[in-house]
């Protein structure tokens, strides 16, 4: 499992977790309640999706699947195979 720093994540941390770890990451966010910016695939059928939606505090930014959706130093990394959302999250519970 990924390791989070002692004391949790600083407010406004940007995270782009490994998709295989999303369930664990969402559970950890529910537990620790930080305000974070997170990039996730739009997978409404996944069990973590509804939990994640309950933490959204602002309108999401939706990405396209075009070649330039994700790039590094101005060069496309690869064409995305999925649509993604950039979310501002804060656990309200």
C-alpha atoms as a PDB file:
ATOM      1  CA  UNK A   1       0.000   0.000   0.000  1.00  0.00           C
ATOM      2  CA  UNK A   2       1.130   3.578  -0.537  1.00  0.00           C
ATOM      3  CA  UNK A   3       2.481   5.426   2.452  1.00  0.00           C
ATOM      4  CA  UNK A   4       1.097   8.802   3.466  1.00  0.00           C
ATOM      5  CA  UNK A   5       3.169  11.209   5.558  1.00  0.00           C
ATOM      6  CA  UNK A   6       2.653  11.271   9.320  1.00  0.00           C
ATOM      7  CA  UNK A   7      -0.007  13.820  10.131  1.00  0.00           C
ATOM      8  CA  UNK A   8      -1.738  13.333   6.765  1.00  0.00           C
ATOM      9  CA  UNK A   9      -1.557  15.286   3.559  1.00  0.00           C
ATOM     10  CA  UNK A  10      -1.160  19.069   3.521  1.00  0.00           C
ATOM     11  CA  UNK A  11      -4.245  20.990   2.360  1.00  0.00           C
ATOM     12  CA  UNK A  12      -4.342  21.433  -1.418  1.00  0.00           C
ATOM     13  CA  UNK A  13      -2.102  18.451  -2.199  1.00  0.00           C
ATOM     14  CA  UNK A  14      -2.346  17.266  -5.824  1.00  0.00           C
ATOM     15  CA  UNK A  15      -2.650  13.490  -6.160  1.00  0.00           C
ATOM     16  CA  UNK A  16      -2.826  11.230  -9.205  1.00  0.00           C
ATOM     17  CA  UNK A  17      -2.943   7.761  -7.641  1.00  0.00           C
ATOM     18  CA  UNK A  18      -2.243   4.479  -9.343  1.00  0.00           C
ATOM     19  CA  UNK A  19      -5.639   3.258 -10.526  1.00  0.00           C
ATOM     20  CA  UNK A  20      -5.121  -0.106  -8.820  1.00  0.00           C
ATOM     21  CA  UNK A  21      -4.894   1.746  -5.484  1.00  0.00           C
ATOM     22  CA  UNK A  22      -7.972   3.966  -5.876  1.00  0.00           C
ATOM     23  CA  UNK A  23     -10.180   2.060  -3.449  1.00  0.00           C
ATOM     24  CA  UNK A  24      -7.491   2.293  -0.752  1.00  0.00           C
ATOM     25  CA  UNK A  25      -6.810   5.973  -1.510  1.00  0.00           C
ATOM     26  CA  UNK A  26     -10.498   6.907  -1.302  1.00  0.00           C
ATOM     27  CA  UNK A  27     -10.865   5.065   2.024  1.00  0.00           C
ATOM     28  CA  UNK A  28      -7.787   6.877   3.352  1.00  0.00           C
ATOM     29  CA  UNK A  29      -9.175  10.253   2.239  1.00  0.00           C
ATOM     30  CA  UNK A  30     -12.452   9.501   4.012  1.00  0.00           C
ATOM     31  CA  UNK A  31     -10.486   8.680   7.162  1.00  0.00           C
ATOM     32  CA  UNK A  32      -8.026  11.592   7.136  1.00  0.00           C
ATOM     33  CA  UNK A  33     -10.295  14.300   5.657  1.00  0.00           C
ATOM     34  CA  UNK A  34      -7.705  16.429   3.829  1.00  0.00           C
ATOM     35  CA  UNK A  35      -8.625  18.873   1.087  1.00  0.00           C
ATOM     36  CA  UNK A  36      -6.918  17.575  -2.052  1.00  0.00           C
ATOM     37  CA  UNK A  37      -6.983  17.928  -5.812  1.00  0.00           C
ATOM     38  CA  UNK A  38      -7.211  14.492  -7.401  1.00  0.00           C
ATOM     39  CA  UNK A  39      -7.159  13.121 -10.943  1.00  0.00           C
ATOM     40  CA  UNK A  40      -9.244   9.983 -11.392  1.00  0.00           C
ATOM     41  CA  UNK A  41     -10.711   8.024 -14.286  1.00  0.00           C
ATOM     42  CA  UNK A  42     -14.468   8.358 -14.650  1.00  0.00           C
ATOM     43  CA  UNK A  43     -15.484   4.815 -13.692  1.00  0.00           C
ATOM     44  CA  UNK A  44     -19.022   5.027 -12.365  1.00  0.00           C
ATOM     45  CA  UNK A  45     -19.236   1.254 -11.931  1.00  0.00           C
ATOM     46  CA  UNK A  46     -16.357   1.119  -9.422  1.00  0.00           C
ATOM     47  CA  UNK A  47     -17.245   0.867  -5.714  1.00  0.00           C
ATOM     48  CA  UNK A  48     -15.078   3.897  -4.809  1.00  0.00           C
ATOM     49  CA  UNK A  49     -16.893   6.224  -7.273  1.00  0.00           C
ATOM     50  CA  UNK A  50     -19.934   7.045  -5.085  1.00  0.00           C
ATOM     51  CA  UNK A  51     -17.707   7.609  -2.033  1.00  0.00           C
ATOM     52  CA  UNK A  52     -15.524   9.930  -4.054  1.00  0.00           C
ATOM     53  CA  UNK A  53     -18.533  11.870  -5.366  1.00  0.00           C
ATOM     54  CA  UNK A  54     -19.655  12.531  -1.782  1.00  0.00           C
ATOM     55  CA  UNK A  55     -16.396  14.436  -1.173  1.00  0.00           C
ATOM     56  CA  UNK A  56     -16.480  16.695  -4.268  1.00  0.00           C
ATOM     57  CA  UNK A  57     -16.604  20.364  -3.229  1.00  0.00           C
ATOM     58  CA  UNK A  58     -16.560  22.114  -6.611  1.00  0.00           C
ATOM     59  CA  UNK A  59     -17.461  21.421 -10.223  1.00  0.00           C
ATOM     60  CA  UNK A  60     -15.094  18.827 -11.696  1.00  0.00           C
ATOM     61  CA  UNK A  61     -12.847  19.540 -14.642  1.00  0.00           C
ATOM     62  CA  UNK A  62     -13.373  16.829 -17.238  1.00  0.00           C
ATOM     63  CA  UNK A  63     -10.560  15.845 -19.576  1.00  0.00           C
ATOM     64  CA  UNK A  64     -10.867  14.620 -23.127  1.00  0.00           C
ATOM     65  CA  UNK A  65      -9.186  11.589 -24.602  1.00  0.00           C
ATOM     66  CA  UNK A  66      -7.170  13.675 -27.036  1.00  0.00           C
ATOM     67  CA  UNK A  67      -3.453  13.175 -27.442  1.00  0.00           C
ATOM     68  CA  UNK A  68      -2.607  16.320 -25.482  1.00  0.00           C
ATOM     69  CA  UNK A  69      -4.783  15.683 -22.410  1.00  0.00           C
ATOM     70  CA  UNK A  70      -1.769  14.496 -20.439  1.00  0.00           C
ATOM     71  CA  UNK A  71       1.656  15.788 -21.328  1.00  0.00           C
ATOM     72  CA  UNK A  72       5.085  16.220 -19.823  1.00  0.00           C
ATOM     73  CA  UNK A  73       7.182  19.268 -20.732  1.00  0.00           C
ATOM     74  CA  UNK A  74       4.808  20.014 -23.592  1.00  0.00           C
ATOM     75  CA  UNK A  75       5.041  16.542 -25.157  1.00  0.00           C
ATOM     76  CA  UNK A  76       2.061  14.166 -25.026  1.00  0.00           C
ATOM     77  CA  UNK A  77       2.664  11.167 -22.781  1.00  0.00           C
ATOM     78  CA  UNK A  78       0.199   8.951 -24.604  1.00  0.00           C
ATOM     79  CA  UNK A  79      -3.348   9.104 -25.822  1.00  0.00           C
ATOM     80  CA  UNK A  80      -5.655   8.550 -22.851  1.00  0.00           C
ATOM     81  CA  UNK A  81      -7.765   5.413 -23.022  1.00  0.00           C
ATOM     82  CA  UNK A  82     -10.327   6.829 -20.583  1.00  0.00           C
ATOM     83  CA  UNK A  83     -12.024  10.037 -19.633  1.00  0.00           C
ATOM     84  CA  UNK A  84     -10.771  11.552 -16.400  1.00  0.00           C
ATOM     85  CA  UNK A  85     -11.974  14.111 -13.901  1.00  0.00           C
ATOM     86  CA  UNK A  86      -9.939  16.573 -11.880  1.00  0.00           C
ATOM     87  CA  UNK A  87     -11.713  16.950  -8.555  1.00  0.00           C
ATOM     88  CA  UNK A  88     -11.407  19.209  -5.525  1.00  0.00           C
ATOM     89  CA  UNK A  89     -12.214  16.927  -2.581  1.00  0.00           C
ATOM     90  CA  UNK A  90     -12.970  17.466   1.081  1.00  0.00           C
ATOM     91  CA  UNK A  91     -14.681  14.919   3.310  1.00  0.00           C
ATOM     92  CA  UNK A  92     -17.845  16.577   4.654  1.00  0.00           C
ATOM     93  CA  UNK A  93     -18.918  13.788   6.998  1.00  0.00           C
END
